[in-house]
Protein backbone atom coordinates (compact mmCIF):
# COMPACT_ATOMS: atom_id res chain seq x y z
CA UNK A 1 -12.70 -29.59 21.25
CA UNK A 2 -12.70 -31.00 17.77
CA UNK A 3 -11.72 -27.54 16.31
CA UNK A 4 -8.69 -27.31 18.62
CA UNK A 5 -7.34 -30.77 17.52
CA UNK A 6 -7.84 -29.96 14.01
CA UNK A 7 -5.90 -26.60 14.25
CA UNK A 8 -3.08 -28.59 16.04
CA UNK A 9 -3.10 -30.96 13.11
CA UNK A 10 -2.81 -28.10 10.57
CA UNK A 11 0.23 -26.71 12.49
CA UNK A 12 2.06 -30.12 12.48
CA UNK A 13 1.51 -30.71 8.64
CA UNK A 14 2.89 -27.17 7.78
CA UNK A 15 5.95 -27.77 10.05
CA UNK A 16 6.53 -31.00 8.31
CA UNK A 17 6.48 -29.54 5.05
CA UNK A 18 9.02 -26.90 6.01
CA UNK A 19 11.54 -29.52 7.26
CA UNK A 20 10.88 -31.45 4.02
CA UNK A 21 11.83 -28.19 2.22
CA UNK A 22 14.90 -27.54 4.28
CA UNK A 23 16.16 -30.95 3.76
CA UNK A 24 15.97 -30.50 -0.11
CA UNK A 25 17.83 -27.14 0.25
CA UNK A 26 20.72 -28.76 2.27
CA UNK A 27 23.82 -29.16 -0.01
CA UNK A 28 26.63 -31.70 0.57
CA UNK A 29 29.06 -30.20 3.08
CA UNK A 30 32.57 -31.23 2.00
CA UNK A 31 35.30 -30.20 4.54
CA UNK A 32 38.46 -28.48 2.98
CA UNK A 33 41.18 -30.86 3.62
CA UNK A 34 44.03 -28.54 2.35
CA UNK A 35 44.98 -30.35 -0.85
CA UNK A 36 43.56 -29.63 -4.41
CA UNK A 37 41.41 -32.56 -5.45
CA UNK A 38 39.97 -32.92 -8.81
CA UNK A 39 37.47 -35.42 -7.99
CA UNK A 40 35.86 -34.93 -4.45
CA UNK A 41 33.25 -37.39 -3.28
CA UNK A 42 29.89 -37.04 -4.36
CA UNK A 43 28.20 -39.13 -1.65
CA UNK A 44 28.02 -38.29 2.17
CA UNK A 45 29.15 -40.74 4.71
CA UNK A 46 29.03 -40.88 8.65
CA UNK A 47 32.48 -42.22 8.92
CA UNK A 48 34.71 -40.50 11.58
CA UNK A 49 37.90 -41.30 9.85
CA UNK A 50 36.80 -39.75 6.64
CA UNK A 51 38.89 -36.66 5.88
CA UNK A 52 35.91 -34.89 4.11
CA UNK A 53 33.15 -35.71 6.43
CA UNK A 54 34.86 -36.75 9.67
CA UNK A 55 37.72 -35.27 11.91
CA UNK A 56 40.64 -36.79 10.22
CA UNK A 57 43.45 -34.35 9.48
CA UNK A 58 46.04 -34.81 6.68
CA UNK A 59 49.65 -34.25 6.99
CA UNK A 60 52.90 -35.45 5.51
CA UNK A 61 53.40 -37.31 2.30
CA UNK A 62 50.95 -38.00 -0.72
CA UNK A 63 51.32 -40.92 -3.18
CA UNK A 64 49.69 -42.11 -5.97
CA UNK A 65 49.29 -45.95 -6.69
CA UNK A 66 47.13 -48.80 -7.96
CA UNK A 67 44.75 -50.66 -5.63
CA UNK A 68 46.17 -54.20 -5.45
CA UNK A 69 43.42 -55.39 -2.78
CA UNK A 70 39.98 -54.20 -1.67
CA UNK A 71 39.00 -57.33 0.36
CA UNK A 72 39.19 -55.82 3.90
CA UNK A 73 36.45 -53.73 5.33
CA UNK A 74 37.08 -49.90 4.69
CA UNK A 75 40.76 -50.69 3.90
CA UNK A 76 42.59 -51.13 0.69
CA UNK A 77 46.31 -52.21 -0.07
CA UNK A 78 47.75 -49.49 -2.61
CA UNK A 79 51.07 -50.20 -4.32
CA UNK A 80 53.47 -48.49 -6.64
CA UNK A 81 56.69 -48.93 -8.27
CA UNK A 82 59.94 -46.68 -8.11
CA UNK A 83 63.68 -46.79 -9.25
CA UNK A 84 66.44 -46.83 -6.63
CA UNK A 85 69.99 -45.95 -7.74
CA UNK A 86 72.86 -48.25 -6.92
CA UNK A 87 75.88 -45.95 -6.71
CA UNK A 88 78.43 -48.65 -6.80
CA UNK A 89 77.17 -50.36 -9.92
CA UNK A 90 75.83 -47.10 -11.54
CA UNK A 91 72.55 -48.71 -12.14
CA UNK A 92 68.88 -48.61 -11.08
CA UNK A 93 66.90 -51.20 -9.20
CA UNK A 94 63.36 -51.44 -9.61
CA UNK A 95 61.46 -51.57 -6.04
CA UNK A 96 57.97 -51.99 -5.07
CA UNK A 97 56.00 -50.66 -2.01
CA UNK A 98 52.64 -51.80 -0.56
CA UNK A 99 50.85 -49.68 1.97
CA UNK A 100 47.40 -50.34 3.82
CA UNK A 101 45.03 -47.30 3.40
CA UNK A 102 41.63 -46.35 5.08
CA UNK A 103 38.90 -46.39 2.17
CA UNK A 104 36.09 -44.14 3.23
CA UNK A 105 32.47 -45.29 2.25
CA UNK A 106 31.83 -42.03 0.17
CA UNK A 107 34.92 -42.86 -2.04
CA UNK A 108 34.92 -46.68 -2.17
CA UNK A 109 37.96 -47.37 -4.18
CA UNK A 110 37.90 -50.89 -5.92
CA UNK A 111 40.69 -53.14 -7.20
CA UNK A 112 42.46 -51.76 -10.28
CA UNK A 113 41.68 -48.08 -9.50
CA UNK A 114 44.51 -45.64 -9.48
CA UNK A 115 44.17 -43.59 -6.25
CA UNK A 116 45.76 -40.84 -4.14
CA UNK A 117 46.68 -41.46 -0.76
CA UNK A 118 47.70 -39.09 2.00
CA UNK A 119 49.51 -39.57 5.21
CA UNK A 120 47.47 -39.07 8.44
CA UNK A 121 47.64 -40.14 12.19
CA UNK A 122 47.82 -43.76 12.74
CA UNK A 123 44.27 -45.45 12.42
CA UNK A 124 45.44 -48.93 13.35
CA UNK A 125 48.53 -51.07 13.53
CA UNK A 126 49.27 -51.04 9.94
CA UNK A 127 47.07 -48.16 8.52
CA UNK A 128 48.56 -44.49 8.64
CA UNK A 129 47.15 -43.42 5.19
CA UNK A 130 43.73 -42.51 3.91
CA UNK A 131 42.34 -42.55 0.16
CA UNK A 132 41.59 -38.77 -0.71
CA UNK A 133 40.61 -39.31 -4.43
CA UNK A 134 40.14 -41.87 -7.27
CA UNK A 135 42.20 -40.44 -10.26
CA UNK A 136 41.13 -43.20 -12.70
CA UNK A 137 38.58 -45.93 -12.22
CA UNK A 138 39.39 -49.58 -13.60
């Protein structure tokens, strides 16, 4: 009986080594989001609302702006300036826009970073955008 248990133990050890080897061989799978991104995330996350590792689809507009606030959990406020023409005065007015965007854990943008955000389905009452890449870190 002792021999049988020893054989069973050997089988479990060898199968354990194979799973460890398989884990090392597994590469990071990043889903193609349909947009060319220069800096795809290097970390892996389990977030359902992540465009790379979850099921979130991107559609619509893409903007680039500065992260103004990163105090909320998995959310950043991104802002940018643009010029608006006033026809009557033949001049331009400087305007600002602030948008709340989902910040996946694999990207983890911080205050002062320049990021690209893309439109997606409404994630909450105020969030309809998601951060797809950090262009320049602060």
